[in-house]
C-alpha atoms as a PDB file:
ATOM      1  CA  MET A   1     -73.944  -7.294 -77.421  1.00  0.00           C
ATOM      2  CA  ALA A   2     -74.877  -9.260 -74.715  1.00  0.00           C
ATOM      3  CA  VAL A   3     -76.943 -12.974 -75.494  1.00  0.00           C
ATOM      4  CA  PRO A   4     -80.740 -11.917 -76.049  1.00  0.00           C
ATOM      5  CA  ASP A   5     -82.586 -13.854 -73.519  1.00  0.00           C
ATOM      6  CA  PHE A   6     -84.704 -16.952 -75.086  1.00  0.00           C
ATOM      7  CA  GLN A   7     -87.949 -15.214 -75.353  1.00  0.00           C
ATOM      8  CA  SER A   8     -86.121 -13.277 -77.483  1.00  0.00           C
ATOM      9  CA  LEU A   9     -84.981 -15.446 -80.137  1.00  0.00           C
ATOM     10  CA  MET A  10     -88.313 -16.824 -80.174  1.00  0.00           C
ATOM     11  CA  LEU A  11     -89.662 -14.801 -82.961  1.00  0.00           C
ATOM     12  CA  PRO A  12     -87.125 -14.386 -85.402  1.00  0.00           C
ATOM     13  CA  LEU A  13     -86.364 -17.985 -84.671  1.00  0.00           C
ATOM     14  CA  LEU A  14     -90.094 -18.690 -86.178  1.00  0.00           C
ATOM     15  CA  ARG A  15     -89.384 -15.914 -89.037  1.00  0.00           C
ATOM     16  CA  LEU A  16     -86.179 -18.351 -90.432  1.00  0.00           C
ATOM     17  CA  ALA A  17     -88.882 -21.273 -90.494  1.00  0.00           C
ATOM     18  CA  ALA A  18     -91.228 -19.069 -92.389  1.00  0.00           C
ATOM     19  CA  ASP A  19     -90.221 -20.762 -95.842  1.00  0.00           C
ATOM     20  CA  GLY A  20     -91.596 -24.112 -94.747  1.00  0.00           C
ATOM     21  CA  ALA A  21     -88.145 -25.734 -95.380  1.00  0.00           C
ATOM     22  CA  GLU A  22     -86.603 -28.361 -92.825  1.00  0.00           C
ATOM     23  CA  HIS A  23     -83.879 -26.240 -91.032  1.00  0.00           C
ATOM     24  CA  SER A  24     -81.069 -27.408 -88.072  1.00  0.00           C
ATOM     25  CA  LEU A  25     -80.381 -25.821 -84.970  1.00  0.00           C
ATOM     26  CA  GLY A  26     -77.070 -25.357 -86.576  1.00  0.00           C
ATOM     27  CA  GLU A  27     -77.845 -23.179 -88.998  1.00  0.00           C
ATOM     28  CA  ALA A  28     -80.688 -21.235 -86.638  1.00  0.00           C
ATOM     29  CA  ARG A  29     -77.749 -20.543 -84.717  1.00  0.00           C
ATOM     30  CA  GLU A  30     -75.508 -19.243 -87.521  1.00  0.00           C
ATOM     31  CA  SER A  31     -78.549 -17.193 -88.658  1.00  0.00           C
ATOM     32  CA  LEU A  32     -79.510 -15.549 -85.126  1.00  0.00           C
ATOM     33  CA  ALA A  33     -75.920 -15.029 -84.287  1.00  0.00           C
ATOM     34  CA  LYS A  34     -75.633 -12.716 -87.452  1.00  0.00           C
ATOM     35  CA  GLU A  35     -78.943 -10.998 -86.570  1.00  0.00           C
ATOM     36  CA  PHE A  36     -78.261  -9.833 -83.079  1.00  0.00           C
ATOM     37  CA  GLY A  37     -74.427  -8.943 -84.062  1.00  0.00           C
ATOM     38  CA  LEU A  38     -72.948 -11.654 -81.782  1.00  0.00           C
ATOM     39  CA  THR A  39     -69.260 -12.081 -81.337  1.00  0.00           C
ATOM     40  CA  ASP A  40     -67.270 -15.267 -80.864  1.00  0.00           C
ATOM     41  CA  ALA A  41     -67.166 -14.237 -76.843  1.00  0.00           C
ATOM     42  CA  ASP A  42     -71.201 -14.280 -76.959  1.00  0.00           C
ATOM     43  CA  ARG A  43     -71.774 -17.318 -78.625  1.00  0.00           C
ATOM     44  CA  THR A  44     -69.007 -19.407 -76.848  1.00  0.00           C
ATOM     45  CA  GLU A  45     -70.067 -17.882 -73.101  1.00  0.00           C
ATOM     46  CA  PRO A  46     -70.593 -20.818 -71.085  1.00  0.00           C
ATOM     47  CA  LEU A  47     -73.497 -21.614 -68.753  1.00  0.00           C
ATOM     48  CA  PRO A  48     -72.770 -21.785 -64.940  1.00  0.00           C
ATOM     49  CA  SER A  49     -72.170 -25.592 -65.396  1.00  0.00           C
ATOM     50  CA  GLY A  50     -69.584 -24.910 -68.500  1.00  0.00           C
ATOM     51  CA  ARG A  51     -70.932 -27.800 -70.226  1.00  0.00           C
ATOM     52  CA  GLN A  52     -72.550 -25.812 -73.256  1.00  0.00           C
ATOM     53  CA  SER A  53     -72.914 -22.448 -74.435  1.00  0.00           C
ATOM     54  CA  LYS A  54     -75.218 -19.677 -72.689  1.00  0.00           C
ATOM     55  CA  PHE A  55     -76.310 -19.169 -76.727  1.00  0.00           C
ATOM     56  CA  SER A  56     -76.557 -22.437 -77.617  1.00  0.00           C
ATOM     57  CA  ASN A  57     -78.668 -23.318 -74.806  1.00  0.00           C
ATOM     58  CA  ARG A  58     -81.112 -20.320 -75.294  1.00  0.00           C
ATOM     59  CA  VAL A  59     -81.479 -21.205 -79.034  1.00  0.00           C
ATOM     60  CA  ALA A  60     -82.391 -24.908 -78.174  1.00  0.00           C
ATOM     61  CA  TRP A  61     -85.117 -23.655 -75.399  1.00  0.00           C
ATOM     62  CA  ALA A  62     -86.726 -20.903 -77.784  1.00  0.00           C
ATOM     63  CA  LYS A  63     -86.789 -23.815 -80.230  1.00  0.00           C
ATOM     64  CA  SER A  64     -88.393 -26.325 -78.189  1.00  0.00           C
ATOM     65  CA  TYR A  65     -91.154 -23.395 -76.497  1.00  0.00           C
ATOM     66  CA  LEU A  66     -92.167 -22.753 -80.108  1.00  0.00           C
ATOM     67  CA  GLN A  67     -92.471 -26.835 -80.299  1.00  0.00           C
ATOM     68  CA  GLN A  68     -94.553 -27.410 -77.577  1.00  0.00           C
ATOM     69  CA  ALA A  69     -96.937 -24.687 -78.351  1.00  0.00           C
ATOM     70  CA  GLY A  70     -97.551 -26.181 -81.903  1.00  0.00           C
ATOM     71  CA  LEU A  71     -95.840 -23.218 -83.761  1.00  0.00           C
ATOM     72  CA  LEU A  72     -92.808 -25.788 -84.887  1.00  0.00           C
ATOM     73  CA  LEU A  73     -92.385 -29.432 -85.176  1.00  0.00           C
ATOM     74  CA  SER A  74     -89.336 -31.880 -85.353  1.00  0.00           C
ATOM     75  CA  PRO A  75     -89.416 -33.863 -88.055  1.00  0.00           C
ATOM     76  CA  LYS A  76     -86.066 -35.199 -86.209  1.00  0.00           C
ATOM     77  CA  ARG A  77     -83.664 -34.600 -83.361  1.00  0.00           C
ATOM     78  CA  GLY A  78     -82.053 -30.840 -83.694  1.00  0.00           C
ATOM     79  CA  HIS A  79     -84.404 -29.778 -87.153  1.00  0.00           C
ATOM     80  CA  PHE A  80     -87.472 -27.971 -86.788  1.00  0.00           C
ATOM     81  CA  GLN A  81     -90.109 -26.935 -89.502  1.00  0.00           C
ATOM     82  CA  VAL A  82     -93.127 -24.267 -89.232  1.00  0.00           C
ATOM     83  CA  THR A  83     -96.348 -25.735 -88.719  1.00  0.00           C
ATOM     84  CA  ASP A  84     -99.983 -24.413 -89.722  1.00  0.00           C
ATOM     85  CA  ARG A  85     -99.995 -22.278 -86.094  1.00  0.00           C
ATOM     86  CA  GLY A  86     -96.799 -20.801 -86.924  1.00  0.00           C
ATOM     87  CA  ARG A  87     -97.908 -19.926 -90.178  1.00  0.00           C
ATOM     88  CA  GLN A  88    -100.976 -18.057 -88.852  1.00  0.00           C
ATOM     89  CA  VAL A  89     -98.947 -16.318 -86.484  1.00  0.00           C
ATOM     90  CA  LEU A  90     -96.393 -15.031 -88.933  1.00  0.00           C
ATOM     91  CA  ALA A  91     -99.091 -13.893 -90.943  1.00  0.00           C
ATOM     92  CA  SER A  92     -99.838 -11.061 -88.444  1.00  0.00           C
ATOM     93  CA  PRO A  93     -96.955 -11.239 -85.900  1.00  0.00           C
ATOM     94  CA  PRO A  94     -97.092  -9.907 -82.218  1.00  0.00           C
ATOM     95  CA  PRO A  95     -93.810  -7.358 -81.241  1.00  0.00           C
ATOM     96  CA  ARG A  96     -92.190 -10.219 -79.272  1.00  0.00           C
ATOM     97  CA  ILE A  97     -93.255 -14.015 -79.149  1.00  0.00           C
ATOM     98  CA  THR A  98     -93.014 -14.553 -74.993  1.00  0.00           C
ATOM     99  CA  ILE A  99     -94.248 -17.177 -72.760  1.00  0.00           C
ATOM    100  CA  ARG A 100     -97.618 -15.129 -71.918  1.00  0.00           C
ATOM    101  CA  PHE A 101     -98.273 -15.156 -75.576  1.00  0.00           C
ATOM    102  CA  LEU A 102     -97.751 -18.828 -76.411  1.00  0.00           C
ATOM    103  CA  GLU A 103     -99.797 -19.829 -73.199  1.00  0.00           C
ATOM    104  CA  GLN A 104    -102.875 -18.963 -75.599  1.00  0.00           C
ATOM    105  CA  TYR A 105    -102.382 -22.484 -77.105  1.00  0.00           C
ATOM    106  CA  PRO A 106    -103.721 -25.180 -74.784  1.00  0.00           C
ATOM    107  CA  GLU A 107    -100.848 -27.835 -75.441  1.00  0.00           C
ATOM    108  CA  PHE A 108     -98.388 -25.181 -74.382  1.00  0.00           C
ATOM    109  CA  LEU A 109    -100.407 -24.163 -71.008  1.00  0.00           C
ATOM    110  CA  GLU A 110    -100.811 -28.249 -70.538  1.00  0.00           C
ATOM    111  CA  PHE A 111     -96.484 -28.349 -70.920  1.00  0.00           C
ATOM    112  CA  ARG A 112     -96.393 -25.564 -68.159  1.00  0.00           C
ATOM    113  CA  ASN A 113     -98.741 -26.831 -65.560  1.00  0.00           C
ATOM    114  CA  ARG A 114     -96.751 -30.299 -66.229  1.00  0.00           C
ATOM    115  CA  SER A 115     -93.809 -28.299 -65.156  1.00  0.00           C
ATOM    116  CA  ASP A 116     -95.275 -26.217 -62.244  1.00  0.00           C
ATOM    117  CA  ASP A 117     -96.685 -29.434 -60.633  1.00  0.00           C
ATOM    118  CA  ASP A 118     -92.441 -30.681 -60.112  1.00  0.00           C
ATOM    119  CA  GLU A 119     -90.177 -28.789 -57.965  1.00  0.00           C
ATOM    120  CA  VAL A 120     -88.828 -25.748 -59.353  1.00  0.00           C
ATOM    121  CA  VAL A 121     -85.377 -24.219 -58.784  1.00  0.00           C
ATOM    122  CA  THR A 122     -85.816 -20.314 -58.282  1.00  0.00           C
ATOM    123  CA  PRO A 123     -84.458 -17.973 -60.660  1.00  0.00           C
ATOM    124  CA  ALA A 124     -81.121 -16.112 -59.480  1.00  0.00           C
ATOM    125  CA  PRO A 125     -81.602 -13.100 -57.549  1.00  0.00           C
ATOM    126  CA  GLY A 126     -82.400 -10.002 -59.442  1.00  0.00           C
ATOM    127  CA  ALA A 127     -82.972 -12.105 -62.748  1.00  0.00           C
ATOM    128  CA  GLU A 128     -85.695 -10.761 -65.089  1.00  0.00           C
ATOM    129  CA  PRO A 129     -88.753 -13.504 -64.905  1.00  0.00           C
ATOM    130  CA  GLU A 130     -88.641 -15.989 -67.523  1.00  0.00           C
ATOM    131  CA  SER A 131     -85.512 -14.601 -68.666  1.00  0.00           C
ATOM    132  CA  GLU A 132     -83.385 -17.941 -68.000  1.00  0.00           C
ATOM    133  CA  THR A 133     -84.363 -21.398 -69.682  1.00  0.00           C
ATOM    134  CA  PRO A 134     -85.113 -23.856 -66.858  1.00  0.00           C
ATOM    135  CA  GLU A 135     -81.293 -25.540 -67.437  1.00  0.00           C
ATOM    136  CA  GLU A 136     -79.508 -21.743 -66.868  1.00  0.00           C
ATOM    137  CA  ALA A 137     -81.940 -21.916 -63.724  1.00  0.00           C
ATOM    138  CA  LEU A 138     -80.922 -25.242 -62.655  1.00  0.00           C
ATOM    139  CA  SER A 139     -77.395 -24.802 -63.354  1.00  0.00           C
ATOM    140  CA  ALA A 140     -76.938 -21.362 -61.815  1.00  0.00           C
ATOM    141  CA  ALA A 141     -78.820 -22.782 -58.729  1.00  0.00           C
ATOM    142  CA  TYR A 142     -76.724 -25.382 -58.484  1.00  0.00           C
ATOM    143  CA  VAL A 143     -73.254 -22.861 -58.272  1.00  0.00           C
ATOM    144  CA  ARG A 144     -75.096 -20.855 -55.518  1.00  0.00           C
ATOM    145  CA  MET A 145     -76.100 -23.857 -53.760  1.00  0.00           C
ATOM    146  CA  ARG A 146     -72.216 -25.203 -54.297  1.00  0.00           C
ATOM    147  CA  ALA A 147     -70.695 -21.866 -52.796  1.00  0.00           C
ATOM    148  CA  ALA A 148     -72.804 -21.585 -49.970  1.00  0.00           C
ATOM    149  CA  LEU A 149     -71.890 -25.052 -48.934  1.00  0.00           C
ATOM    150  CA  ALA A 150     -68.028 -24.379 -49.172  1.00  0.00           C
ATOM    151  CA  SER A 151     -68.306 -21.538 -47.049  1.00  0.00           C
ATOM    152  CA  GLU A 152     -70.148 -23.941 -44.563  1.00  0.00           C
ATOM    153  CA  VAL A 153     -67.782 -26.797 -44.975  1.00  0.00           C
ATOM    154  CA  LEU A 154     -64.539 -24.191 -44.088  1.00  0.00           C
ATOM    155  CA  ALA A 155     -66.344 -22.734 -41.284  1.00  0.00           C
ATOM    156  CA  ARG A 156     -66.710 -26.346 -39.475  1.00  0.00           C
ATOM    157  CA  VAL A 157     -63.081 -27.244 -40.564  1.00  0.00           C
ATOM    158  CA  LYS A 158     -61.643 -24.294 -39.115  1.00  0.00           C
ATOM    159  CA  ALA A 159     -63.808 -24.591 -35.994  1.00  0.00           C
ATOM    160  CA  GLY A 160     -62.202 -28.101 -35.598  1.00  0.00           C
ATOM    161  CA  SER A 161     -59.177 -28.845 -33.658  1.00  0.00           C
ATOM    162  CA  PRO A 162     -55.698 -29.262 -34.981  1.00  0.00           C
ATOM    163  CA  GLU A 163     -55.854 -33.058 -34.851  1.00  0.00           C
ATOM    164  CA  PHE A 164     -59.407 -32.992 -36.626  1.00  0.00           C
ATOM    165  CA  PHE A 165     -57.438 -30.884 -39.281  1.00  0.00           C
ATOM    166  CA  GLU A 166     -54.722 -33.955 -39.582  1.00  0.00           C
ATOM    167  CA  GLN A 167     -57.296 -36.347 -39.930  1.00  0.00           C
ATOM    168  CA  LEU A 168     -59.398 -34.567 -42.224  1.00  0.00           C
ATOM    169  CA  VAL A 169     -56.215 -33.839 -44.866  1.00  0.00           C
ATOM    170  CA  VAL A 170     -55.237 -37.820 -44.395  1.00  0.00           C
ATOM    171  CA  GLU A 171     -58.720 -38.779 -45.664  1.00  0.00           C
ATOM    172  CA  LEU A 172     -59.097 -36.086 -48.365  1.00  0.00           C
ATOM    173  CA  LEU A 173     -55.434 -37.329 -49.973  1.00  0.00           C
ATOM    174  CA  LEU A 174     -56.868 -41.256 -49.661  1.00  0.00           C
ATOM    175  CA  ARG A 175     -60.157 -40.071 -51.365  1.00  0.00           C
ATOM    176  CA  MET A 176     -57.921 -38.469 -54.466  1.00  0.00           C
ATOM    177  CA  GLY A 177     -55.675 -41.295 -54.360  1.00  0.00           C
ATOM    178  CA  TYR A 178     -52.630 -40.749 -52.770  1.00  0.00           C
ATOM    179  CA  GLY A 179     -51.537 -43.376 -50.760  1.00  0.00           C
ATOM    180  CA  GLY A 180     -52.397 -46.642 -50.672  1.00  0.00           C
ATOM    181  CA  SER A 181     -54.452 -47.028 -47.465  1.00  0.00           C
ATOM    182  CA  ARG A 182     -55.661 -44.878 -44.220  1.00  0.00           C
ATOM    183  CA  LYS A 183     -52.827 -46.999 -42.396  1.00  0.00           C
ATOM    184  CA  ASP A 184     -49.789 -46.005 -45.223  1.00  0.00           C
ATOM    185  CA  ALA A 185     -51.380 -42.355 -45.018  1.00  0.00           C
ATOM    186  CA  GLY A 186     -51.564 -42.354 -41.294  1.00  0.00           C
ATOM    187  CA  GLN A 187     -47.430 -43.333 -40.959  1.00  0.00           C
ATOM    188  CA  ALA A 188     -46.474 -41.017 -43.943  1.00  0.00           C
ATOM    189  CA  VAL A 189     -47.996 -38.064 -42.286  1.00  0.00           C
ATOM    190  CA  GLY A 190     -47.021 -36.760 -38.756  1.00  0.00           C
ATOM    191  CA  ARG A 191     -47.557 -34.189 -36.359  1.00  0.00           C
ATOM    192  CA  SER A 192     -45.639 -30.784 -36.597  1.00  0.00           C
ATOM    193  CA  GLY A 193     -47.099 -29.686 -33.049  1.00  0.00           C
ATOM    194  CA  ASP A 194     -47.944 -26.184 -34.984  1.00  0.00           C
ATOM    195  CA  GLU A 195     -51.610 -26.134 -35.323  1.00  0.00           C
ATOM    196  CA  GLY A 196     -50.796 -28.235 -38.504  1.00  0.00           C
ATOM    197  CA  ILE A 197     -49.592 -31.490 -39.920  1.00  0.00           C
ATOM    198  CA  ASP A 198     -45.983 -31.853 -41.942  1.00  0.00           C
ATOM    199  CA  GLY A 199     -45.123 -35.112 -43.606  1.00  0.00           C
ATOM    200  CA  VAL A 200     -44.987 -37.277 -46.637  1.00  0.00           C
ATOM    201  CA  ILE A 201     -47.418 -39.136 -48.518  1.00  0.00           C
ATOM    202  CA  SER A 202     -47.025 -41.393 -51.610  1.00  0.00           C
ATOM    203  CA  GLU A 203     -48.277 -39.558 -54.758  1.00  0.00           C
ATOM    204  CA  ASP A 204     -49.568 -42.879 -56.405  1.00  0.00           C
ATOM    205  CA  ARG A 205     -50.601 -46.381 -54.676  1.00  0.00           C
ATOM    206  CA  LEU A 206     -46.771 -48.450 -55.307  1.00  0.00           C
ATOM    207  CA  GLY A 207     -45.162 -45.429 -53.603  1.00  0.00           C
ATOM    208  CA  LEU A 208     -43.180 -44.565 -56.494  1.00  0.00           C
ATOM    209  CA  ASP A 209     -43.056 -40.843 -56.210  1.00  0.00           C
ATOM    210  CA  ILE A 210     -43.375 -38.681 -52.577  1.00  0.00           C
ATOM    211  CA  VAL A 211     -44.978 -35.654 -52.067  1.00  0.00           C
ATOM    212  CA  TYR A 212     -43.900 -33.683 -49.213  1.00  0.00           C
ATOM    213  CA  LEU A 213     -47.023 -31.724 -47.381  1.00  0.00           C
ATOM    214  CA  GLN A 214     -47.427 -28.765 -45.127  1.00  0.00           C
ATOM    215  CA  ALA A 215     -50.869 -28.177 -43.726  1.00  0.00           C
ATOM    216  CA  LYS A 216     -51.354 -25.141 -41.441  1.00  0.00           C
ATOM    217  CA  LYS A 217     -54.800 -24.353 -39.495  1.00  0.00           C
ATOM    218  CA  TRP A 218     -54.603 -20.622 -40.168  1.00  0.00           C
ATOM    219  CA  ASP A 219     -56.988 -18.039 -40.435  1.00  0.00           C
ATOM    220  CA  GLY A 220     -54.919 -15.412 -41.689  1.00  0.00           C
ATOM    221  CA  THR A 221     -52.795 -15.151 -45.293  1.00  0.00           C
ATOM    222  CA  VAL A 222     -49.872 -17.067 -45.721  1.00  0.00           C
ATOM    223  CA  GLY A 223     -47.091 -15.258 -47.122  1.00  0.00           C
ATOM    224  CA  ARG A 224     -43.748 -15.448 -48.847  1.00  0.00           C
ATOM    225  CA  PRO A 225     -41.450 -15.980 -45.963  1.00  0.00           C
ATOM    226  CA  GLU A 226     -43.698 -19.008 -44.754  1.00  0.00           C
ATOM    227  CA  ILE A 227     -43.804 -20.663 -48.324  1.00  0.00           C
ATOM    228  CA  GLN A 228     -39.661 -20.158 -48.638  1.00  0.00           C
ATOM    229  CA  LYS A 229     -38.902 -22.327 -45.307  1.00  0.00           C
ATOM    230  CA  PHE A 230     -41.190 -25.066 -47.036  1.00  0.00           C
ATOM    231  CA  VAL A 231     -39.232 -24.607 -49.973  1.00  0.00           C
ATOM    232  CA  GLY A 232     -36.152 -24.663 -48.407  1.00  0.00           C
ATOM    233  CA  ALA A 233     -37.183 -27.672 -46.903  1.00  0.00           C
ATOM    234  CA  LEU A 234     -38.201 -29.870 -49.590  1.00  0.00           C
ATOM    235  CA  HIS A 235     -34.497 -28.652 -51.094  1.00  0.00           C
ATOM    236  CA  GLY A 236     -33.107 -30.412 -48.010  1.00  0.00           C
ATOM    237  CA  LYS A 237     -34.921 -33.653 -49.037  1.00  0.00           C
ATOM    238  CA  ARG A 238     -33.981 -33.049 -52.370  1.00  0.00           C
ATOM    239  CA  ALA A 239     -37.567 -33.157 -53.078  1.00  0.00           C
ATOM    240  CA  LYS A 240     -39.266 -32.264 -56.368  1.00  0.00           C
ATOM    241  CA  LYS A 241     -42.767 -32.196 -55.302  1.00  0.00           C
ATOM    242  CA  GLY A 242     -44.473 -30.367 -52.075  1.00  0.00           C
ATOM    243  CA  VAL A 243     -48.235 -29.607 -51.640  1.00  0.00           C
ATOM    244  CA  PHE A 244     -49.071 -26.586 -48.723  1.00  0.00           C
ATOM    245  CA  ILE A 245     -52.424 -26.415 -47.667  1.00  0.00           C
ATOM    246  CA  THR A 246     -54.317 -23.981 -45.368  1.00  0.00           C
ATOM    247  CA  THR A 247     -57.627 -22.607 -44.022  1.00  0.00           C
ATOM    248  CA  GLY A 248     -56.385 -19.306 -44.809  1.00  0.00           C
ATOM    249  CA  SER A 249     -55.445 -17.739 -48.028  1.00  0.00           C
ATOM    250  CA  PHE A 250     -52.159 -16.733 -49.395  1.00  0.00           C
ATOM    251  CA  SER A 251     -50.884 -13.573 -50.618  1.00  0.00           C
ATOM    252  CA  SER A 252     -50.232 -13.028 -54.005  1.00  0.00           C
ATOM    253  CA  ASP A 253     -46.505 -12.793 -53.291  1.00  0.00           C
ATOM    254  CA  ALA A 254     -46.399 -16.039 -52.146  1.00  0.00           C
ATOM    255  CA  ALA A 255     -48.923 -17.347 -55.349  1.00  0.00           C
ATOM    256  CA  ASP A 256     -46.353 -15.474 -58.111  1.00  0.00           C
ATOM    257  CA  TYR A 257     -42.821 -16.978 -55.662  1.00  0.00           C
ATOM    258  CA  VAL A 258     -44.280 -20.610 -56.548  1.00  0.00           C
ATOM    259  CA  ALA A 259     -45.010 -19.887 -60.240  1.00  0.00           C
ATOM    260  CA  HIS A 260     -40.912 -19.117 -60.482  1.00  0.00           C
ATOM    261  CA  ILE A 261     -39.020 -22.340 -58.805  1.00  0.00           C
ATOM    262  CA  ASP A 262     -38.044 -25.652 -58.783  1.00  0.00           C
ATOM    263  CA  PRO A 263     -39.646 -28.147 -56.965  1.00  0.00           C
ATOM    264  CA  LYS A 264     -42.934 -27.928 -57.941  1.00  0.00           C
ATOM    265  CA  VAL A 265     -45.396 -26.232 -54.798  1.00  0.00           C
ATOM    266  CA  VAL A 266     -49.149 -26.202 -55.175  1.00  0.00           C
ATOM    267  CA  LEU A 267     -50.969 -24.354 -52.869  1.00  0.00           C
ATOM    268  CA  ILE A 268     -54.020 -25.101 -51.388  1.00  0.00           C
ATOM    269  CA  ASP A 269     -55.674 -22.363 -49.870  1.00  0.00           C
ATOM    270  CA  GLY A 270     -58.915 -22.308 -47.653  1.00  0.00           C
ATOM    271  CA  ARG A 271     -61.699 -21.952 -50.399  1.00  0.00           C
ATOM    272  CA  ARG A 272     -60.052 -24.607 -52.750  1.00  0.00           C
ATOM    273  CA  LEU A 273     -59.748 -27.115 -49.503  1.00  0.00           C
ATOM    274  CA  ALA A 274     -63.263 -27.016 -49.372  1.00  0.00           C
ATOM    275  CA  GLU A 275     -64.139 -27.571 -53.101  1.00  0.00           C
ATOM    276  CA  LEU A 276     -62.258 -30.577 -52.978  1.00  0.00           C
ATOM    277  CA  MET A 277     -64.105 -31.958 -49.771  1.00  0.00           C
ATOM    278  CA  ILE A 278     -66.957 -31.578 -52.148  1.00  0.00           C
ATOM    279  CA  ASP A 279     -65.483 -33.018 -55.122  1.00  0.00           C
ATOM    280  CA  PHE A 280     -63.855 -36.213 -53.275  1.00  0.00           C
ATOM    281  CA  ASP A 281     -67.153 -36.561 -50.755  1.00  0.00           C
ATOM    282  CA  THR A 282     -64.983 -35.684 -47.831  1.00  0.00           C
ATOM    283  CA  GLY A 283     -67.658 -34.125 -45.001  1.00  0.00           C
ATOM    284  CA  VAL A 284     -70.386 -34.078 -47.076  1.00  0.00           C
ATOM    285  CA  SER A 285     -73.008 -36.522 -48.274  1.00  0.00           C
ATOM    286  CA  THR A 286     -75.376 -36.014 -51.636  1.00  0.00           C
ATOM    287  CA  SER A 287     -78.813 -34.887 -50.878  1.00  0.00           C
ATOM    288  CA  ARG A 288     -80.400 -35.501 -54.203  1.00  0.00           C
ATOM    289  CA  THR A 289     -79.693 -36.103 -57.528  1.00  0.00           C
ATOM    290  CA  PHE A 290     -81.239 -34.559 -60.736  1.00  0.00           C
ATOM    291  CA  HIS A 291     -80.887 -36.557 -63.718  1.00  0.00           C
ATOM    292  CA  VAL A 292     -81.117 -34.016 -66.715  1.00  0.00           C
ATOM    293  CA  LYS A 293     -81.868 -36.394 -69.774  1.00  0.00           C
ATOM    294  CA  ARG A 294     -82.287 -35.927 -73.523  1.00  0.00           C
ATOM    295  CA  ILE A 295     -84.193 -37.849 -76.798  1.00  0.00           C
ATOM    296  CA  ASP A 296     -82.546 -41.135 -77.573  1.00  0.00           C
ATOM    297  CA  SER A 297     -82.474 -40.244 -81.250  1.00  0.00           C
ATOM    298  CA  ASP A 298     -81.135 -43.885 -82.056  1.00  0.00           C
ATOM    299  CA  TYR A 299     -84.022 -45.647 -80.019  1.00  0.00           C
ATOM    300  CA  PHE A 300     -87.205 -43.981 -82.593  1.00  0.00           C
ATOM    301  CA  GLU A 301     -85.151 -44.928 -85.584  1.00  0.00           C
ATOM    302  CA  GLU A 302     -87.550 -46.943 -87.616  1.00  0.00           C
ATOM    303  CA  GLY A 303     -85.730 -49.425 -89.707  1.00  0.00           C
END
């Protein structure tokens, strides 16, 4: 079964608190997982950010929304307890607690109005309205924006000259920690004259290990024969490591080949090249930064 949206979790969560006792989010996750028949795979399915499971995130937001509406209170971090208002709702419960249901409470409306005053992220295309938690919407939007940026970066790289591609690879390797300086890297990597660069670069700043590099500005697919030529050159140098970079892609045959050979060869296709450029701020700059913060429970502890 798919993980229920956070609105579907609100009424079961409130029912769990009906006994008036203090419950933990961990306890709630266990109870709700059993109620909805979730598998281990369902429970561990990650958000797009990969930092938290979708199920844990939705349980936490269900608790937060019920708390904003005054149906639950939080005696301490990660715990919750039913309020008198929550008991009144449970005395004559609706079929399902939704955001629209919670909007009858002034505290919740105030919370929603504060949220709407800020810039909000548009939900993913095709998503059911309010089916995503705010964190899911933000995380999914980030993934979509990053994918669009990667496509744009790769298009710009392909449109550049071979000389620009050479400089780009040198700059990227430096930002990734290879080589000692631009001067060192520039001397280590030389032109091959075939719309790419071929050369060597230090794997570490002290030059204790050497990586052989081949970079080809291609639009098509690099097949196994091209990789075999590169591997042959590595054997001729008695080299143990090589990196093959292309603006195109690699055939499945080429990828399978490098998985079963020695020396170690890493293949970087156009998409991965763009991702690395984003990760290491090569050809991109930060437009804005969002800090997602949580309560520091230690700060509110009274000794």
